């Protein structure tokens, strides 16, 4: 765990180094805090979760701990303005605070009793796992914010990109069967509270697109009056894609990133719909023989052969780039290259109980306005590419890396 923590902190530092010093107080996504908050939030959350609330240790700086404890997820700009601050601490002060937190956390991970069955937050080392995966999730959300930063206020990294023509392919038929959502508490070393408890769902047979909807397909939709995705830009009559660090001619074979509302409207225009969470599970993890897999491709741990995740690259790639990651039904690109929207509102499974180390993690978002996403994006940590993991966002939130595919009966 100490090695994992240090590896997390090193990657987070690398990602923050991409941001120009002048942008430290910038707020590229108005619905989120400025970068200053996030540089303090990750170590503050980790320290509060393990050292203060788990182990009962004294504070480092109570004022900064309160300031950096939790981010925001407002539904509107009016709500976001209520979180505005006249000023944020100097970067040197944030760095000093973060270093103090890091020192205490590392000491705890190396020497403290971080697993204690008598303390709810420490049962099966829950607090330690919480802070480790929490930082990995914030590495991804940090990339969403950096993406919206003007190029002149961040480093420029030129990537290698491939595009190609895709032949039309028929949808895949997924037979009726059972989909297992969630997991038993004893089945995972660690999981977030919304991953529990395990539930089996009967799923009727359906057809699902082999690949996610591509930029090329969405381009035709735009020509018919459909909305322009946030990441697109038109110049001299040609469409360009705004990547994290550069702008390139729109790759036709890459998945399109859109909101849930946009994806749902597109599917309806074709007389189709988005898959439910259970249908995604059936297409991704089910098999014609009735057994279920740990991953779409089988039981082998995720690696670069299976999909575009784990910071192998910052950007998408063609939807057919990873045939080794196909499911038993021949459905491709289910894990990686962008999270996949489902039609399922984010809600608890039967038997849900808030986790002791972060009780508000899921419960605050069971509001009927957030929708479940499955899979992973290019900048999702490999450890989060697990069957039971659930992501969620507002249905009109445009900034994350979210693709989709269509289904029909």
Protein backbone atom coordinates (compact mmCIF):
# COMPACT_ATOMS: atom_id res chain seq x y z
CA UNK A 1 0.00 0.00 0.00
CA UNK A 2 2.86 2.38 0.70
CA UNK A 3 4.28 1.69 -2.77
CA UNK A 4 0.83 2.16 -4.30
CA UNK A 5 0.41 5.47 -2.47
CA UNK A 6 3.79 6.77 -3.61
CA UNK A 7 3.07 5.69 -7.18
CA UNK A 8 -0.25 7.56 -7.03
CA UNK A 9 1.38 10.71 -5.69
CA UNK A 10 4.09 10.59 -8.36
CA UNK A 11 1.53 10.34 -11.16
CA UNK A 12 -0.59 13.11 -9.64
CA UNK A 13 2.49 15.34 -9.47
CA UNK A 14 3.26 14.56 -13.11
CA UNK A 15 -0.27 15.50 -14.14
CA UNK A 16 -0.17 18.77 -12.21
CA UNK A 17 3.18 19.56 -13.86
CA UNK A 18 1.33 19.71 -17.19
CA UNK A 19 -0.42 22.88 -16.00
CA UNK A 20 1.28 26.24 -16.45
CA UNK A 21 2.02 28.06 -13.19
CA UNK A 22 -0.20 30.91 -14.38
CA UNK A 23 -3.19 28.54 -14.46
CA UNK A 24 -3.08 27.42 -10.82
CA UNK A 25 -6.18 29.46 -9.97
CA UNK A 26 -7.91 28.92 -13.31
CA UNK A 27 -11.31 27.28 -13.40
CA UNK A 28 -11.59 25.75 -16.90
CA UNK A 29 -14.80 23.93 -15.99
CA UNK A 30 -16.99 26.50 -14.21
CA UNK A 31 -18.90 23.70 -12.42
CA UNK A 32 -15.69 22.66 -10.67
CA UNK A 33 -13.23 24.33 -8.31
CA UNK A 34 -9.93 25.78 -9.64
CA UNK A 35 -6.79 23.66 -9.82
CA UNK A 36 -5.70 25.11 -6.46
CA UNK A 37 -8.45 23.15 -4.75
CA UNK A 38 -7.56 19.80 -6.29
CA UNK A 39 -3.87 20.02 -5.44
CA UNK A 40 -4.90 20.32 -1.80
CA UNK A 41 -7.97 18.09 -1.90
CA UNK A 42 -6.32 14.76 -2.68
CA UNK A 43 -3.84 14.77 0.25
CA UNK A 44 -6.40 16.38 2.59
CA UNK A 45 -9.02 13.74 1.83
CA UNK A 46 -6.48 10.95 2.26
CA UNK A 47 -5.23 12.33 5.57
CA UNK A 48 -8.71 12.91 6.97
CA UNK A 49 -9.94 9.49 5.84
CA UNK A 50 -7.11 7.41 7.28
CA UNK A 51 -5.23 9.38 9.91
CA UNK A 52 -7.88 11.58 11.52
CA UNK A 53 -11.09 9.58 11.20
CA UNK A 54 -9.63 6.11 10.93
CA UNK A 55 -6.72 6.21 13.36
CA UNK A 56 -7.82 9.13 15.56
CA UNK A 57 -4.70 11.22 14.97
CA UNK A 58 -4.42 14.98 15.44
CA UNK A 59 -4.90 17.41 12.59
CA UNK A 60 -2.19 18.97 10.45
CA UNK A 61 -4.09 22.20 9.74
CA UNK A 62 -7.83 22.18 10.61
CA UNK A 63 -8.62 25.21 8.42
CA UNK A 64 -7.00 23.80 5.29
CA UNK A 65 -8.46 20.38 5.99
CA UNK A 66 -11.95 21.87 6.00
CA UNK A 67 -11.24 23.94 2.88
CA UNK A 68 -9.96 20.99 0.86
CA UNK A 69 -12.12 18.23 2.27
CA UNK A 70 -14.70 17.81 -0.49
CA UNK A 71 -15.30 18.93 -4.06
CA UNK A 72 -18.51 20.08 -5.71
CA UNK A 73 -20.95 18.61 -8.23
CA UNK A 74 -23.45 21.43 -8.90
CA UNK A 75 -26.25 20.97 -11.40
CA UNK A 76 -26.15 24.56 -12.65
CA UNK A 77 -23.98 27.65 -12.82
CA UNK A 78 -26.18 29.39 -10.26
CA UNK A 79 -25.50 26.58 -7.81
CA UNK A 80 -21.80 26.61 -8.67
CA UNK A 81 -21.54 30.31 -7.86
CA UNK A 82 -22.56 29.57 -4.28
CA UNK A 83 -19.20 27.78 -3.92
CA UNK A 84 -17.14 30.74 -5.18
CA UNK A 85 -14.36 32.02 -2.92
CA UNK A 86 -12.72 35.45 -3.02
CA UNK A 87 -9.27 33.86 -2.70
CA UNK A 88 -7.44 30.56 -2.39
CA UNK A 89 -4.21 29.85 -0.48
CA UNK A 90 -0.86 30.51 -2.11
CA UNK A 91 0.56 27.55 -3.99
CA UNK A 92 3.54 27.29 -1.63
CA UNK A 93 1.15 26.99 1.31
CA UNK A 94 -0.82 24.28 -0.46
CA UNK A 95 2.39 22.39 -1.27
CA UNK A 96 3.57 22.59 2.34
CA UNK A 97 0.21 21.33 3.59
CA UNK A 98 0.23 18.47 1.06
CA UNK A 99 3.75 17.45 2.07
CA UNK A 100 2.75 17.35 5.75
CA UNK A 101 -0.24 15.17 4.91
CA UNK A 102 1.88 12.88 2.75
CA UNK A 103 4.42 12.38 5.53
CA UNK A 104 1.75 11.41 8.06
CA UNK A 105 -0.07 9.13 5.59
CA UNK A 106 3.12 7.31 4.60
CA UNK A 107 4.01 6.81 8.24
CA UNK A 108 0.56 5.35 8.90
CA UNK A 109 0.68 3.02 5.91
CA UNK A 110 4.05 1.73 6.99
CA UNK A 111 3.63 1.46 10.74
CA UNK A 112 0.04 1.93 11.94
CA UNK A 113 -2.67 -0.69 12.49
CA UNK A 114 -4.59 0.26 9.35
CA UNK A 115 -6.61 -2.97 9.51
CA UNK A 116 -8.71 -3.41 12.65
CA UNK A 117 -11.95 -5.39 12.79
CA UNK A 118 -13.06 -3.37 15.84
CA UNK A 119 -13.05 -0.04 13.99
CA UNK A 120 -15.60 0.22 11.13
CA UNK A 121 -13.40 2.50 9.01
CA UNK A 122 -10.48 0.09 9.34
CA UNK A 123 -12.29 -3.20 8.70
CA UNK A 124 -10.35 -4.92 5.92
CA UNK A 125 -8.23 -1.73 5.66
CA UNK A 126 -11.17 0.09 4.08
CA UNK A 127 -9.89 3.62 4.79
CA UNK A 128 -6.53 2.89 3.18
CA UNK A 129 -8.08 1.39 0.06
CA UNK A 130 -10.51 4.32 -0.09
CA UNK A 131 -7.78 6.94 -0.27
CA UNK A 132 -5.77 4.92 -2.80
CA UNK A 133 -8.61 4.51 -5.28
CA UNK A 134 -9.94 8.01 -4.57
CA UNK A 135 -6.67 9.51 -5.82
CA UNK A 136 -6.78 7.36 -8.95
CA UNK A 137 -10.28 8.59 -9.71
CA UNK A 138 -9.16 12.19 -9.24
CA UNK A 139 -6.30 11.69 -11.68
CA UNK A 140 -8.95 11.05 -14.31
CA UNK A 141 -11.20 13.95 -13.34
CA UNK A 142 -8.14 16.21 -13.30
CA UNK A 143 -7.61 15.32 -16.96
CA UNK A 144 -11.16 16.41 -17.75
CA UNK A 145 -10.37 19.83 -16.29
CA UNK A 146 -6.95 20.08 -17.94
CA UNK A 147 -8.63 19.23 -21.25
CA UNK A 148 -10.64 22.46 -21.07
CA UNK A 149 -7.57 24.57 -20.32
CA UNK A 150 -6.33 26.64 -23.32
CA UNK A 151 -3.30 25.06 -24.98
CA UNK A 152 -1.09 28.04 -24.16
CA UNK A 153 -1.64 27.39 -20.43
CA UNK A 154 -0.44 23.78 -20.40
CA UNK A 155 2.37 21.68 -21.79
CA UNK A 156 2.09 20.43 -25.33
CA UNK A 157 2.39 16.68 -25.83
CA UNK A 158 2.14 15.50 -29.42
CA UNK A 159 0.70 11.99 -29.66
CA UNK A 160 0.63 9.34 -32.36
CA UNK A 161 -2.85 8.87 -33.77
CA UNK A 162 -4.41 6.44 -36.19
CA UNK A 163 -7.62 6.64 -38.16
CA UNK A 164 -9.07 4.22 -40.67
CA UNK A 165 -12.19 3.35 -42.59
CA UNK A 166 -14.58 1.02 -40.80
CA UNK A 167 -16.71 -1.40 -42.74
CA UNK A 168 -20.39 -1.55 -41.72
CA UNK A 169 -20.98 -4.44 -39.33
CA UNK A 170 -24.29 -5.93 -38.19
CA UNK A 171 -25.31 -5.74 -34.53
CA UNK A 172 -24.62 -8.67 -32.26
CA UNK A 173 -27.46 -10.73 -30.86
CA UNK A 174 -27.27 -11.32 -27.11
CA UNK A 175 -29.49 -14.15 -25.94
CA UNK A 176 -31.81 -13.84 -22.96
CA UNK A 177 -30.17 -14.73 -19.68
CA UNK A 178 -29.03 -13.55 -16.27
CA UNK A 179 -26.79 -10.58 -15.60
CA UNK A 180 -25.01 -10.30 -12.25
CA UNK A 181 -24.65 -6.72 -11.07
CA UNK A 182 -22.61 -5.67 -8.09
CA UNK A 183 -20.66 -8.06 -5.90
CA UNK A 184 -20.76 -9.81 -2.55
CA UNK A 185 -18.74 -8.01 0.08
CA UNK A 186 -16.45 -11.02 0.51
CA UNK A 187 -15.80 -11.30 -3.24
CA UNK A 188 -13.69 -8.13 -3.48
CA UNK A 189 -10.65 -7.04 -1.53
CA UNK A 190 -12.18 -3.56 -1.70
CA UNK A 191 -15.19 -1.99 -3.37
CA UNK A 192 -17.17 1.24 -3.12
CA UNK A 193 -20.51 1.07 -1.38
CA UNK A 194 -22.57 1.33 -4.59
CA UNK A 195 -20.93 -1.90 -5.84
CA UNK A 196 -22.73 -3.94 -3.17
CA UNK A 197 -24.75 -6.09 -2.81
CA UNK A 198 -24.73 -8.65 -5.59
CA UNK A 199 -28.00 -8.85 -7.53
CA UNK A 200 -29.05 -11.09 -10.41
CA UNK A 201 -31.27 -9.61 -13.14
CA UNK A 202 -33.17 -11.50 -15.82
CA UNK A 203 -32.46 -9.87 -19.18
CA UNK A 204 -34.50 -10.43 -22.32
CA UNK A 205 -32.66 -11.04 -25.59
CA UNK A 206 -31.56 -7.94 -27.50
CA UNK A 207 -29.32 -6.70 -30.29
CA UNK A 208 -26.42 -4.39 -29.53
CA UNK A 209 -24.01 -2.51 -31.78
CA UNK A 210 -20.65 -4.21 -32.08
CA UNK A 211 -18.87 -0.87 -31.76
CA UNK A 212 -19.66 2.41 -30.02
CA UNK A 213 -21.01 5.23 -32.18
CA UNK A 214 -18.09 6.84 -33.98
CA UNK A 215 -17.24 10.41 -34.88
CA UNK A 216 -17.96 9.52 -38.49
CA UNK A 217 -21.48 8.38 -37.65
CA UNK A 218 -22.11 11.43 -35.47
CA UNK A 219 -20.79 13.71 -38.23
CA UNK A 220 -23.63 12.53 -40.46
CA UNK A 221 -26.03 13.23 -37.60
CA UNK A 222 -24.67 16.78 -37.27
CA UNK A 223 -25.22 17.28 -41.00
CA UNK A 224 -28.88 16.41 -40.39
CA UNK A 225 -29.19 18.98 -37.60
CA UNK A 226 -27.81 17.04 -34.64
CA UNK A 227 -25.84 18.83 -31.87
CA UNK A 228 -22.10 19.44 -32.12
CA UNK A 229 -20.14 17.61 -29.37
CA UNK A 230 -18.15 19.72 -26.92
CA UNK A 231 -14.81 18.37 -28.14
CA UNK A 232 -15.42 19.26 -31.81
CA UNK A 233 -14.43 22.48 -33.56
CA UNK A 234 -15.21 23.61 -37.10
CA UNK A 235 -12.61 25.54 -39.09
CA UNK A 236 -12.79 26.42 -42.78
CA UNK A 237 -15.63 23.99 -43.29
CA UNK A 238 -13.76 21.04 -41.74
CA UNK A 239 -14.27 19.39 -38.36
CA UNK A 240 -11.40 19.13 -35.91
CA UNK A 241 -11.15 17.24 -32.63
CA UNK A 242 -9.78 19.04 -29.58
CA UNK A 243 -7.56 16.56 -27.75
CA UNK A 244 -5.88 17.14 -24.40
CA UNK A 245 -2.74 18.66 -25.90
CA UNK A 246 -3.42 19.26 -29.58
CA UNK A 247 -6.11 19.64 -32.20
CA UNK A 248 -6.32 17.17 -35.09
CA UNK A 249 -8.62 16.56 -38.08
CA UNK A 250 -11.66 14.66 -36.82
CA UNK A 251 -10.80 10.91 -36.73
CA UNK A 252 -13.80 9.12 -38.21
CA UNK A 253 -13.13 5.76 -36.52
CA UNK A 254 -12.82 7.05 -32.95
CA UNK A 255 -15.78 6.98 -30.54
CA UNK A 256 -17.72 10.20 -30.18
CA UNK A 257 -17.85 11.72 -26.68
CA UNK A 258 -21.28 13.15 -25.89
CA UNK A 259 -23.70 13.75 -23.02
CA UNK A 260 -26.33 11.25 -21.93
CA UNK A 261 -29.05 13.50 -23.34
CA UNK A 262 -27.31 13.66 -26.72
CA UNK A 263 -26.72 9.91 -26.81
CA UNK A 264 -30.33 9.16 -25.91
CA UNK A 265 -31.66 11.51 -28.60
CA UNK A 266 -29.39 9.96 -31.23
CA UNK A 267 -30.54 6.44 -30.35
CA UNK A 268 -34.20 7.48 -30.53
CA UNK A 269 -33.66 9.04 -33.94
CA UNK A 270 -32.60 5.60 -35.14
CA UNK A 271 -35.56 3.91 -33.48
CA UNK A 272 -33.24 2.42 -30.87
CA UNK A 273 -32.24 3.15 -27.28
CA UNK A 274 -29.34 3.06 -24.84
CA UNK A 275 -28.62 -0.23 -23.05
CA UNK A 276 -29.58 -0.60 -19.42
CA UNK A 277 -26.87 -1.35 -16.89
CA UNK A 278 -28.04 -4.99 -16.86
CA UNK A 279 -27.90 -5.19 -20.66
CA UNK A 280 -24.39 -3.78 -20.65
CA UNK A 281 -23.40 -6.47 -18.15
CA UNK A 282 -25.02 -9.18 -20.22
CA UNK A 283 -23.23 -8.02 -23.40
CA UNK A 284 -19.91 -7.49 -21.64
CA UNK A 285 -19.66 -10.35 -19.16
CA UNK A 286 -22.27 -12.92 -20.20
CA UNK A 287 -21.61 -15.89 -22.45
CA UNK A 288 -23.75 -18.09 -24.72
CA UNK A 289 -23.10 -20.99 -22.34
CA UNK A 290 -24.63 -19.05 -19.41
CA UNK A 291 -21.42 -18.50 -17.45
CA UNK A 292 -20.17 -15.02 -16.63
CA UNK A 293 -16.70 -13.61 -17.03
CA UNK A 294 -14.70 -11.26 -14.80
CA UNK A 295 -13.91 -9.07 -17.84
CA UNK A 296 -15.33 -8.96 -21.36
CA UNK A 297 -12.38 -10.99 -22.70
CA UNK A 298 -12.27 -13.53 -19.87
CA UNK A 299 -10.52 -13.75 -16.50
CA UNK A 300 -7.10 -12.37 -17.46
CA UNK A 301 -6.18 -9.14 -15.69
CA UNK A 302 -6.58 -5.98 -17.83
CA UNK A 303 -3.60 -4.95 -19.92
CA UNK A 304 -2.89 -2.88 -23.02
CA UNK A 305 -4.01 -5.67 -25.36
CA UNK A 306 -7.56 -5.53 -24.02
CA UNK A 307 -8.42 -1.87 -24.28
CA UNK A 308 -7.44 1.78 -24.15
CA UNK A 309 -7.16 2.50 -20.42
CA UNK A 310 -4.56 2.95 -17.69
CA UNK A 311 -2.89 6.04 -19.23
CA UNK A 312 -1.50 3.98 -22.11
CA UNK A 313 -2.41 7.12 -24.08
CA UNK A 314 -4.28 10.31 -23.28
CA UNK A 315 -6.64 10.16 -26.24
CA UNK A 316 -9.11 7.79 -27.89
CA UNK A 317 -8.26 5.50 -30.80
CA UNK A 318 -10.24 3.46 -33.38
CA UNK A 319 -13.10 1.47 -31.90
CA UNK A 320 -11.77 -1.75 -33.48
CA UNK A 321 -8.22 -1.34 -32.12
CA UNK A 322 -8.47 -4.10 -29.50
CA UNK A 323 -9.96 -7.34 -30.87
CA UNK A 324 -8.43 -9.16 -27.88
CA UNK A 325 -10.86 -7.25 -25.66
CA UNK A 326 -14.06 -8.44 -27.34
CA UNK A 327 -16.75 -10.12 -25.28
CA UNK A 328 -18.07 -13.64 -25.80
CA UNK A 329 -20.77 -12.17 -28.06
CA UNK A 330 -18.24 -10.38 -30.25
CA UNK A 331 -19.02 -6.93 -28.84
CA UNK A 332 -15.92 -4.72 -28.97
CA UNK A 333 -14.50 -1.75 -27.07
CA UNK A 334 -16.57 -2.34 -23.93
CA UNK A 335 -13.75 -1.51 -21.50
CA UNK A 336 -11.63 1.51 -22.35
CA UNK A 337 -11.62 4.27 -24.98
CA UNK A 338 -14.38 6.08 -23.06
CA UNK A 339 -16.97 5.27 -20.42
CA UNK A 340 -20.27 3.94 -21.80
CA UNK A 341 -23.58 5.57 -21.01
CA UNK A 342 -26.43 3.35 -19.86
CA UNK A 343 -30.11 4.22 -19.52
CA UNK A 344 -30.03 3.34 -15.82
CA UNK A 345 -30.33 6.12 -13.21
CA UNK A 346 -27.66 5.83 -10.53
CA UNK A 347 -29.33 4.14 -7.57
CA UNK A 348 -28.42 1.67 -4.81
CA UNK A 349 -28.61 -2.07 -5.15
CA UNK A 350 -30.81 -3.93 -2.62
CA UNK A 351 -28.98 -4.19 0.69
CA UNK A 352 -27.00 -0.99 0.13
CA UNK A 353 -25.21 0.43 3.16
CA UNK A 354 -23.02 3.57 3.15
CA UNK A 355 -19.35 2.76 3.55
CA UNK A 356 -17.83 3.67 6.91
CA UNK A 357 -14.79 5.45 5.46
CA UNK A 358 -16.76 7.69 3.07
CA UNK A 359 -20.50 7.48 3.89
CA UNK A 360 -21.56 10.26 1.50
CA UNK A 361 -19.66 8.85 -1.50
CA UNK A 362 -22.71 7.44 -3.29
CA UNK A 363 -25.73 8.36 -1.19
CA UNK A 364 -25.59 12.06 -2.09
CA UNK A 365 -26.05 11.20 -5.77
CA UNK A 366 -29.06 8.88 -5.62
CA UNK A 367 -31.20 11.71 -6.96
CA UNK A 368 -32.55 10.37 -10.26
CA UNK A 369 -30.49 12.95 -12.18
CA UNK A 370 -27.22 10.98 -12.48
CA UNK A 371 -26.86 8.02 -14.85
CA UNK A 372 -24.64 4.96 -14.63
CA UNK A 373 -21.63 4.60 -16.89
CA UNK A 374 -19.64 1.42 -17.29
CA UNK A 375 -16.27 0.46 -18.72
CA UNK A 376 -13.33 2.89 -18.60
CA UNK A 377 -11.70 5.80 -20.40
CA UNK A 378 -8.12 6.15 -21.66
CA UNK A 379 -7.17 7.75 -18.32
CA UNK A 380 -8.93 5.30 -16.00
CA UNK A 381 -6.64 3.35 -13.67
CA UNK A 382 -6.40 -0.35 -14.50
CA UNK A 383 -7.51 -1.31 -11.01
CA UNK A 384 -10.87 0.38 -11.61
CA UNK A 385 -11.53 -1.78 -14.68
CA UNK A 386 -13.55 -4.28 -12.68
CA UNK A 387 -16.96 -5.72 -13.37
CA UNK A 388 -18.78 -4.20 -10.40
CA UNK A 389 -17.33 -0.68 -10.67
CA UNK A 390 -19.92 2.00 -11.46
CA UNK A 391 -19.35 5.57 -12.60
CA UNK A 392 -22.05 8.26 -12.81
CA UNK A 393 -22.66 11.80 -14.08
CA UNK A 394 -25.48 14.26 -14.71
CA UNK A 395 -27.21 13.55 -18.01
CA UNK A 396 -26.22 16.93 -19.47
CA UNK A 397 -22.61 17.01 -18.24
CA UNK A 398 -20.38 17.27 -21.35
CA UNK A 399 -16.81 17.28 -20.03
CA UNK A 400 -16.05 13.62 -19.32
CA UNK A 401 -14.90 10.97 -21.80
CA UNK A 402 -18.18 9.17 -22.43
CA UNK A 403 -19.19 7.19 -25.48
CA UNK A 404 -22.27 5.04 -26.14
CA UNK A 405 -23.79 2.37 -28.33
CA UNK A 406 -27.36 1.55 -29.32
CA UNK A 407 -29.53 -1.50 -28.64
CA UNK A 408 -32.87 -2.80 -29.86
CA UNK A 409 -35.13 -5.74 -29.03
